[in-house]
């Protein structure tokens, strides 16, 4: 199994049903997103100068949707970084395991919905970037050994 890169962080356009009474979008786990949904949480009232996230997960997939307002998501695979701006409730960002992610630059009134592939498990979190870099380095060394047959 290869380690995900920032290129695996995909913005997904969700179904959008336009209706004069108000639009509707929906998400089906395993269909619109590549995992079954086991947990849902949301961020709100985040001060503009504050950020959220700034961690990675060993196994957890996340899917972020900006329900209101806008914010940026900075993703990092240990080599490359990218910033994705979310500001539409019918678009979401899939973040696979082993990607460092941080949510920043929240507009006032922004709401970030997060769909997760599993229930909360503190042991799945990598909260220190130096620990993340070490794990990435170990993974690269292990992978190189496998390729070389060592």
N, C-alpha and C. Protein backbone atom coordinates (compact mmCIF):
# COMPACT_ATOMS: atom_id res chain seq x y z
N UNK A 1 0.84 -1.19 0.00
CA UNK A 1 0.00 0.00 0.00
C UNK A 1 0.89 1.25 0.00
N UNK A 2 0.60 2.18 -0.88
CA UNK A 2 1.41 3.38 -0.95
C UNK A 2 0.87 4.45 -0.02
N UNK A 3 1.77 5.33 0.42
CA UNK A 3 1.37 6.42 1.28
C UNK A 3 0.69 7.49 0.45
N UNK A 4 -0.46 8.01 0.90
CA UNK A 4 -1.15 9.07 0.15
C UNK A 4 -0.28 10.33 0.02
N UNK A 5 -0.53 11.07 -1.04
CA UNK A 5 0.13 12.36 -1.25
C UNK A 5 -0.93 13.45 -1.31
N UNK A 6 -0.50 14.69 -1.38
CA UNK A 6 -1.47 15.79 -1.48
C UNK A 6 -2.33 15.64 -2.73
N UNK A 7 -1.82 14.96 -3.76
CA UNK A 7 -2.61 14.73 -4.97
C UNK A 7 -3.81 13.82 -4.72
N UNK A 8 -3.78 13.08 -3.62
CA UNK A 8 -4.91 12.22 -3.26
C UNK A 8 -5.99 12.98 -2.51
N UNK A 9 -5.73 14.21 -2.14
CA UNK A 9 -6.73 15.06 -1.49
C UNK A 9 -7.59 15.66 -2.59
N UNK A 10 -8.77 15.14 -2.75
CA UNK A 10 -9.61 15.50 -3.89
C UNK A 10 -10.81 16.33 -3.46
N UNK A 11 -11.08 17.38 -4.24
CA UNK A 11 -12.33 18.12 -4.08
C UNK A 11 -13.39 17.37 -4.88
N UNK A 12 -14.48 17.05 -4.22
CA UNK A 12 -15.57 16.28 -4.81
C UNK A 12 -16.79 17.18 -4.93
N UNK A 13 -17.38 17.22 -6.12
CA UNK A 13 -18.63 17.94 -6.31
C UNK A 13 -19.77 16.98 -6.00
N UNK A 14 -20.56 17.35 -5.02
CA UNK A 14 -21.68 16.52 -4.57
C UNK A 14 -22.91 16.79 -5.42
N UNK A 15 -23.85 15.86 -5.42
CA UNK A 15 -25.10 16.12 -6.13
C UNK A 15 -25.76 17.40 -5.61
N UNK A 16 -26.30 18.18 -6.52
CA UNK A 16 -26.97 19.42 -6.14
C UNK A 16 -28.30 19.47 -6.88
N UNK A 17 -29.36 19.48 -6.11
CA UNK A 17 -30.70 19.56 -6.68
C UNK A 17 -31.19 20.99 -6.52
N UNK A 18 -31.30 21.69 -7.64
CA UNK A 18 -31.76 23.08 -7.63
C UNK A 18 -33.28 23.10 -7.53
N UNK A 19 -33.78 23.93 -6.66
CA UNK A 19 -35.21 24.04 -6.45
C UNK A 19 -35.51 25.47 -6.02
N UNK A 20 -36.54 26.08 -6.55
CA UNK A 20 -36.86 27.46 -6.16
C UNK A 20 -37.15 27.60 -4.66
N UNK A 21 -37.50 26.50 -4.01
CA UNK A 21 -37.76 26.54 -2.57
C UNK A 21 -36.49 26.44 -1.75
N UNK A 22 -35.36 26.19 -2.41
CA UNK A 22 -34.08 26.00 -1.73
C UNK A 22 -33.38 24.78 -2.29
N UNK A 23 -32.08 24.85 -2.41
CA UNK A 23 -31.31 23.76 -3.00
C UNK A 23 -31.05 22.66 -1.98
N UNK A 24 -30.73 21.47 -2.49
CA UNK A 24 -30.46 20.32 -1.64
C UNK A 24 -29.26 19.58 -2.20
N UNK A 25 -28.35 19.21 -1.31
CA UNK A 25 -27.24 18.33 -1.67
C UNK A 25 -27.24 17.16 -0.70
N UNK A 26 -26.70 16.04 -1.14
CA UNK A 26 -26.65 14.87 -0.27
C UNK A 26 -25.35 14.11 -0.47
N UNK A 27 -25.06 13.25 0.49
CA UNK A 27 -23.82 12.47 0.48
C UNK A 27 -24.17 11.04 0.86
N UNK A 28 -23.69 10.11 0.08
CA UNK A 28 -23.83 8.70 0.40
C UNK A 28 -22.43 8.13 0.60
N UNK A 29 -22.18 7.62 1.83
CA UNK A 29 -20.90 7.00 2.12
C UNK A 29 -20.67 5.81 1.21
N UNK A 30 -19.44 5.66 0.72
CA UNK A 30 -19.12 4.58 -0.19
C UNK A 30 -19.54 4.86 -1.62
N UNK A 31 -20.26 5.96 -1.85
CA UNK A 31 -20.68 6.33 -3.19
C UNK A 31 -20.04 7.67 -3.57
N UNK A 32 -20.44 8.73 -2.91
CA UNK A 32 -19.88 10.06 -3.20
C UNK A 32 -18.54 10.26 -2.51
N UNK A 33 -18.34 9.58 -1.41
CA UNK A 33 -17.06 9.61 -0.72
C UNK A 33 -16.57 8.17 -0.55
N UNK A 34 -15.26 7.96 -0.50
CA UNK A 34 -14.74 6.59 -0.56
C UNK A 34 -14.70 5.86 0.79
N UNK A 35 -15.64 6.15 1.67
CA UNK A 35 -15.69 5.45 2.95
C UNK A 35 -17.10 5.53 3.51
N UNK A 36 -17.40 4.62 4.43
CA UNK A 36 -18.66 4.69 5.16
C UNK A 36 -18.51 5.70 6.29
N UNK A 37 -19.53 6.44 6.57
CA UNK A 37 -19.49 7.51 7.58
C UNK A 37 -19.79 6.91 8.95
N UNK A 38 -18.84 7.08 9.88
CA UNK A 38 -19.02 6.58 11.24
C UNK A 38 -19.17 7.71 12.26
N UNK A 39 -18.75 8.91 11.88
CA UNK A 39 -18.83 10.04 12.81
C UNK A 39 -19.01 11.32 12.01
N UNK A 40 -19.79 12.23 12.58
CA UNK A 40 -20.02 13.55 11.99
C UNK A 40 -19.80 14.59 13.08
N UNK A 41 -19.02 15.63 12.75
CA UNK A 41 -18.90 16.76 13.67
C UNK A 41 -18.75 18.02 12.85
N UNK A 42 -18.88 19.16 13.50
CA UNK A 42 -18.76 20.42 12.77
C UNK A 42 -18.08 21.47 13.63
N UNK A 43 -17.41 22.37 12.92
CA UNK A 43 -16.69 23.49 13.53
C UNK A 43 -17.44 24.77 13.21
N UNK A 44 -17.58 25.63 14.19
CA UNK A 44 -18.26 26.91 13.98
C UNK A 44 -17.76 27.91 15.01
N UNK A 45 -18.04 29.18 14.78
CA UNK A 45 -17.57 30.26 15.66
C UNK A 45 -16.05 30.26 15.81
N UNK A 46 -15.34 29.85 14.76
CA UNK A 46 -13.87 29.87 14.79
C UNK A 46 -13.41 31.29 14.48
N UNK A 47 -12.69 31.94 15.39
CA UNK A 47 -12.20 33.29 15.10
C UNK A 47 -11.30 33.29 13.86
N UNK A 48 -11.40 34.35 13.07
CA UNK A 48 -10.65 34.45 11.81
C UNK A 48 -9.16 34.20 12.00
N UNK A 49 -8.60 34.66 13.09
CA UNK A 49 -7.15 34.53 13.30
C UNK A 49 -6.75 33.16 13.85
N UNK A 50 -7.71 32.32 14.14
CA UNK A 50 -7.43 30.99 14.69
C UNK A 50 -7.50 29.93 13.59
N UNK A 51 -6.90 28.80 13.86
CA UNK A 51 -6.96 27.66 12.95
C UNK A 51 -7.42 26.43 13.71
N UNK A 52 -7.82 25.43 12.98
CA UNK A 52 -8.23 24.16 13.56
C UNK A 52 -7.45 23.05 12.86
N UNK A 53 -7.57 21.86 13.39
CA UNK A 53 -6.87 20.73 12.78
C UNK A 53 -5.41 20.73 13.16
N UNK A 54 -4.54 20.87 12.18
CA UNK A 54 -3.09 20.81 12.37
C UNK A 54 -2.69 19.48 12.99
N UNK A 55 -3.10 18.40 12.31
CA UNK A 55 -2.73 17.05 12.72
C UNK A 55 -2.96 16.12 11.52
N UNK A 56 -2.54 14.89 11.70
CA UNK A 56 -2.79 13.83 10.71
C UNK A 56 -3.40 12.65 11.44
N UNK A 57 -3.88 11.69 10.68
CA UNK A 57 -4.43 10.47 11.24
C UNK A 57 -3.71 9.27 10.64
N UNK A 58 -3.52 8.25 11.44
CA UNK A 58 -2.92 7.01 10.95
C UNK A 58 -3.86 6.31 9.96
N UNK A 59 -5.14 6.21 10.31
CA UNK A 59 -6.08 5.39 9.53
C UNK A 59 -7.35 6.11 9.10
N UNK A 60 -7.69 7.21 9.71
CA UNK A 60 -8.97 7.87 9.50
C UNK A 60 -9.01 8.67 8.20
N UNK A 61 -10.10 8.51 7.46
CA UNK A 61 -10.41 9.37 6.32
C UNK A 61 -11.34 10.47 6.82
N UNK A 62 -11.20 11.67 6.25
CA UNK A 62 -12.13 12.76 6.56
C UNK A 62 -12.62 13.39 5.26
N UNK A 63 -13.81 13.96 5.34
CA UNK A 63 -14.39 14.68 4.21
C UNK A 63 -14.94 15.99 4.77
N UNK A 64 -14.37 17.12 4.34
CA UNK A 64 -14.73 18.44 4.86
C UNK A 64 -15.60 19.18 3.87
N UNK A 65 -16.65 19.80 4.40
CA UNK A 65 -17.56 20.60 3.59
C UNK A 65 -17.75 21.95 4.28
N UNK A 66 -17.65 23.01 3.53
CA UNK A 66 -17.95 24.34 4.06
C UNK A 66 -19.44 24.58 3.85
N UNK A 67 -20.21 24.47 4.92
CA UNK A 67 -21.65 24.67 4.81
C UNK A 67 -22.03 26.13 4.69
N UNK A 68 -21.19 27.00 5.26
CA UNK A 68 -21.46 28.44 5.25
C UNK A 68 -20.14 29.18 5.35
N UNK A 69 -20.04 30.32 4.68
CA UNK A 69 -18.80 31.11 4.73
C UNK A 69 -17.72 30.51 3.87
N UNK A 70 -16.47 30.58 4.35
CA UNK A 70 -15.35 29.99 3.63
C UNK A 70 -14.16 29.83 4.57
N UNK A 71 -13.27 28.93 4.17
CA UNK A 71 -12.01 28.72 4.89
C UNK A 71 -11.06 27.99 3.96
N UNK A 72 -9.80 27.96 4.35
CA UNK A 72 -8.76 27.25 3.61
C UNK A 72 -8.39 25.97 4.35
N UNK A 73 -7.99 24.97 3.58
CA UNK A 73 -7.45 23.74 4.15
C UNK A 73 -6.05 23.57 3.58
N UNK A 74 -5.07 23.58 4.46
CA UNK A 74 -3.69 23.33 4.05
C UNK A 74 -3.40 21.85 4.26
N UNK A 75 -2.99 21.18 3.19
CA UNK A 75 -2.65 19.76 3.27
C UNK A 75 -1.16 19.60 2.96
N UNK A 76 -0.57 18.59 3.59
CA UNK A 76 0.88 18.40 3.54
C UNK A 76 1.13 16.89 3.61
N UNK A 77 1.94 16.37 2.68
CA UNK A 77 2.26 14.94 2.71
C UNK A 77 3.68 14.68 3.18
N UNK A 78 4.33 15.70 3.74
CA UNK A 78 5.70 15.57 4.19
C UNK A 78 6.70 16.03 3.16
N UNK A 79 6.26 16.16 1.91
CA UNK A 79 7.13 16.66 0.83
C UNK A 79 6.48 17.86 0.16
N UNK A 80 5.23 17.70 -0.25
CA UNK A 80 4.51 18.75 -0.94
C UNK A 80 3.36 19.28 -0.09
N UNK A 81 3.02 20.54 -0.31
CA UNK A 81 1.91 21.17 0.38
C UNK A 81 0.97 21.78 -0.67
N UNK A 82 -0.29 21.91 -0.28
CA UNK A 82 -1.28 22.57 -1.14
C UNK A 82 -2.30 23.23 -0.24
N UNK A 83 -2.93 24.28 -0.76
CA UNK A 83 -4.01 24.95 -0.05
C UNK A 83 -5.26 24.87 -0.90
N UNK A 84 -6.34 24.41 -0.29
CA UNK A 84 -7.62 24.27 -0.97
C UNK A 84 -8.60 25.21 -0.29
N UNK A 85 -9.25 26.05 -1.07
CA UNK A 85 -10.24 26.99 -0.54
C UNK A 85 -11.62 26.36 -0.67
N UNK A 86 -12.34 26.25 0.43
CA UNK A 86 -13.69 25.71 0.41
C UNK A 86 -14.68 26.82 0.70
N UNK A 87 -15.69 26.95 -0.15
CA UNK A 87 -16.70 28.00 0.04
C UNK A 87 -18.05 27.67 -0.59
N UNK A 88 -18.27 26.41 -0.92
CA UNK A 88 -19.54 25.98 -1.53
C UNK A 88 -20.05 24.75 -0.81
N UNK A 89 -21.32 24.73 -0.39
CA UNK A 89 -21.83 23.58 0.37
C UNK A 89 -22.05 22.31 -0.46
N UNK A 90 -21.86 22.37 -1.77
CA UNK A 90 -21.98 21.19 -2.60
C UNK A 90 -20.61 20.66 -3.04
N UNK A 91 -19.55 21.19 -2.43
CA UNK A 91 -18.20 20.70 -2.72
C UNK A 91 -17.53 20.34 -1.40
N UNK A 92 -16.84 19.22 -1.41
CA UNK A 92 -16.15 18.77 -0.21
C UNK A 92 -14.76 18.28 -0.55
N UNK A 93 -13.93 18.21 0.47
CA UNK A 93 -12.54 17.79 0.31
C UNK A 93 -12.31 16.49 1.05
N UNK A 94 -11.87 15.47 0.31
CA UNK A 94 -11.50 14.19 0.92
C UNK A 94 -10.03 14.28 1.35
N UNK A 95 -9.79 13.97 2.62
CA UNK A 95 -8.43 13.92 3.16
C UNK A 95 -8.17 12.48 3.61
N UNK A 96 -7.31 11.76 2.91
CA UNK A 96 -7.02 10.38 3.30
C UNK A 96 -6.10 10.32 4.53
N UNK A 97 -5.92 9.13 5.09
CA UNK A 97 -5.00 8.99 6.23
C UNK A 97 -3.59 9.42 5.85
N UNK A 98 -2.82 9.78 6.85
CA UNK A 98 -1.40 10.15 6.74
C UNK A 98 -1.16 11.41 5.91
N UNK A 99 -2.15 12.29 5.90
CA UNK A 99 -1.99 13.63 5.33
C UNK A 99 -2.14 14.62 6.48
N UNK A 100 -1.18 15.49 6.63
CA UNK A 100 -1.25 16.55 7.64
C UNK A 100 -2.21 17.62 7.11
N UNK A 101 -3.17 18.02 7.91
CA UNK A 101 -4.15 19.01 7.44
C UNK A 101 -4.45 20.03 8.54
N UNK A 102 -4.65 21.27 8.09
CA UNK A 102 -5.03 22.36 8.99
C UNK A 102 -6.06 23.23 8.30
N UNK A 103 -7.07 23.65 9.06
CA UNK A 103 -8.10 24.55 8.55
C UNK A 103 -7.80 25.95 9.06
N UNK A 104 -7.78 26.92 8.13
CA UNK A 104 -7.34 28.29 8.45
C UNK A 104 -8.22 29.32 7.74
N UNK A 105 -8.05 30.57 8.13
CA UNK A 105 -8.66 31.72 7.45
C UNK A 105 -10.18 31.63 7.38
N UNK A 106 -10.79 31.29 8.50
CA UNK A 106 -12.24 31.19 8.55
C UNK A 106 -12.88 32.56 8.41
N UNK A 107 -13.84 32.69 7.50
CA UNK A 107 -14.68 33.89 7.45
C UNK A 107 -15.60 33.86 8.67
N UNK A 108 -16.01 35.03 9.17
CA UNK A 108 -17.00 35.03 10.26
C UNK A 108 -18.26 34.28 9.84
N UNK A 109 -18.78 33.47 10.72
CA UNK A 109 -19.99 32.72 10.43
C UNK A 109 -19.79 31.43 9.66
N UNK A 110 -18.55 31.07 9.41
CA UNK A 110 -18.28 29.84 8.66
C UNK A 110 -18.63 28.60 9.48
N UNK A 111 -19.09 27.58 8.77
CA UNK A 111 -19.38 26.29 9.40
C UNK A 111 -18.70 25.22 8.55
N UNK A 112 -17.87 24.40 9.21
CA UNK A 112 -17.16 23.30 8.55
C UNK A 112 -17.75 21.99 9.06
N UNK A 113 -18.35 21.22 8.15
CA UNK A 113 -18.87 19.90 8.47
C UNK A 113 -17.79 18.87 8.15
N UNK A 114 -17.56 17.94 9.08
CA UNK A 114 -16.56 16.90 8.88
C UNK A 114 -17.23 15.54 8.99
N UNK A 115 -17.06 14.74 7.95
CA UNK A 115 -17.52 13.36 7.95
C UNK A 115 -16.29 12.49 8.13
N UNK A 116 -16.34 11.53 9.05
CA UNK A 116 -15.17 10.72 9.36
C UNK A 116 -15.47 9.25 9.18
N UNK A 117 -14.43 8.50 8.83
CA UNK A 117 -14.57 7.07 8.55
C UNK A 117 -14.63 6.20 9.80
N UNK A 118 -14.38 6.80 10.96
CA UNK A 118 -14.43 6.01 12.18
C UNK A 118 -14.77 6.90 13.36
N UNK A 119 -15.07 6.27 14.47
CA UNK A 119 -15.35 6.99 15.71
C UNK A 119 -14.07 7.60 16.24
N UNK A 120 -14.21 8.53 17.17
CA UNK A 120 -13.05 9.20 17.76
C UNK A 120 -12.13 8.18 18.43
N UNK A 121 -10.84 8.29 18.14
CA UNK A 121 -9.82 7.45 18.76
C UNK A 121 -8.55 8.29 18.88
N UNK A 122 -8.24 8.73 20.08
CA UNK A 122 -7.07 9.59 20.29
C UNK A 122 -5.80 8.93 19.76
N UNK A 123 -5.72 7.61 19.83
CA UNK A 123 -4.53 6.90 19.36
C UNK A 123 -4.31 6.99 17.86
N UNK A 124 -5.33 7.38 17.12
CA UNK A 124 -5.20 7.52 15.67
C UNK A 124 -4.61 8.86 15.26
N UNK A 125 -4.55 9.81 16.19
CA UNK A 125 -4.06 11.16 15.89
C UNK A 125 -2.54 11.22 15.92
N UNK A 126 -1.99 12.00 15.02
CA UNK A 126 -0.58 12.42 15.05
C UNK A 126 -0.63 13.92 15.23
N UNK A 127 -0.35 14.39 16.43
CA UNK A 127 -0.57 15.79 16.77
C UNK A 127 0.67 16.67 16.66
N UNK A 128 1.84 16.08 16.61
CA UNK A 128 3.08 16.86 16.49
C UNK A 128 3.67 16.66 15.10
N UNK A 129 3.96 17.77 14.44
CA UNK A 129 4.47 17.69 13.07
C UNK A 129 5.80 16.94 13.02
N UNK A 130 6.64 17.09 14.04
CA UNK A 130 7.92 16.37 14.06
C UNK A 130 7.69 14.85 14.11
N UNK A 131 6.67 14.40 14.84
CA UNK A 131 6.33 12.98 14.87
C UNK A 131 5.84 12.53 13.49
N UNK A 132 5.05 13.37 12.84
CA UNK A 132 4.55 13.07 11.50
C UNK A 132 5.72 12.91 10.53
N UNK A 133 6.66 13.84 10.58
CA UNK A 133 7.82 13.77 9.68
C UNK A 133 8.62 12.49 9.91
N UNK A 134 8.75 12.10 11.16
CA UNK A 134 9.48 10.87 11.48
C UNK A 134 8.77 9.66 10.90
N UNK A 135 7.44 9.60 11.05
CA UNK A 135 6.67 8.49 10.49
C UNK A 135 6.79 8.44 8.97
N UNK A 136 6.74 9.60 8.33
CA UNK A 136 6.87 9.66 6.87
C UNK A 136 8.24 9.15 6.44
N UNK A 137 9.27 9.55 7.17
CA UNK A 137 10.62 9.12 6.87
C UNK A 137 10.76 7.61 7.04
N UNK A 138 10.18 7.06 8.12
CA UNK A 138 10.22 5.61 8.35
C UNK A 138 9.48 4.87 7.25
N UNK A 139 8.35 5.42 6.82
CA UNK A 139 7.57 4.79 5.76
C UNK A 139 8.39 4.74 4.47
N UNK A 140 9.04 5.85 4.14
CA UNK A 140 9.84 5.90 2.92
C UNK A 140 10.98 4.89 2.98
N UNK A 141 11.62 4.75 4.15
CA UNK A 141 12.72 3.78 4.31
C UNK A 141 12.19 2.36 4.17
N UNK A 142 11.05 2.06 4.82
CA UNK A 142 10.45 0.72 4.71
C UNK A 142 10.07 0.41 3.26
N UNK A 143 9.49 1.39 2.58
CA UNK A 143 9.05 1.20 1.19
C UNK A 143 10.25 0.95 0.28
N UNK A 144 11.34 1.71 0.50
CA UNK A 144 12.53 1.54 -0.31
C UNK A 144 13.12 0.14 -0.09
N UNK A 145 13.11 -0.34 1.14
CA UNK A 145 13.60 -1.68 1.44
C UNK A 145 12.77 -2.74 0.73
N UNK A 146 11.45 -2.56 0.69
CA UNK A 146 10.56 -3.51 0.01
C UNK A 146 10.85 -3.54 -1.49
N UNK A 147 11.03 -2.37 -2.08
CA UNK A 147 11.29 -2.28 -3.51
C UNK A 147 12.61 -2.94 -3.86
N UNK A 148 13.62 -2.72 -3.01
CA UNK A 148 14.95 -3.29 -3.26
C UNK A 148 15.04 -4.75 -2.84
N UNK A 149 14.01 -5.25 -2.14
CA UNK A 149 14.03 -6.65 -1.69
C UNK A 149 14.97 -6.88 -0.52
N UNK A 150 15.23 -5.84 0.25
CA UNK A 150 16.16 -5.95 1.39
C UNK A 150 15.42 -6.46 2.61
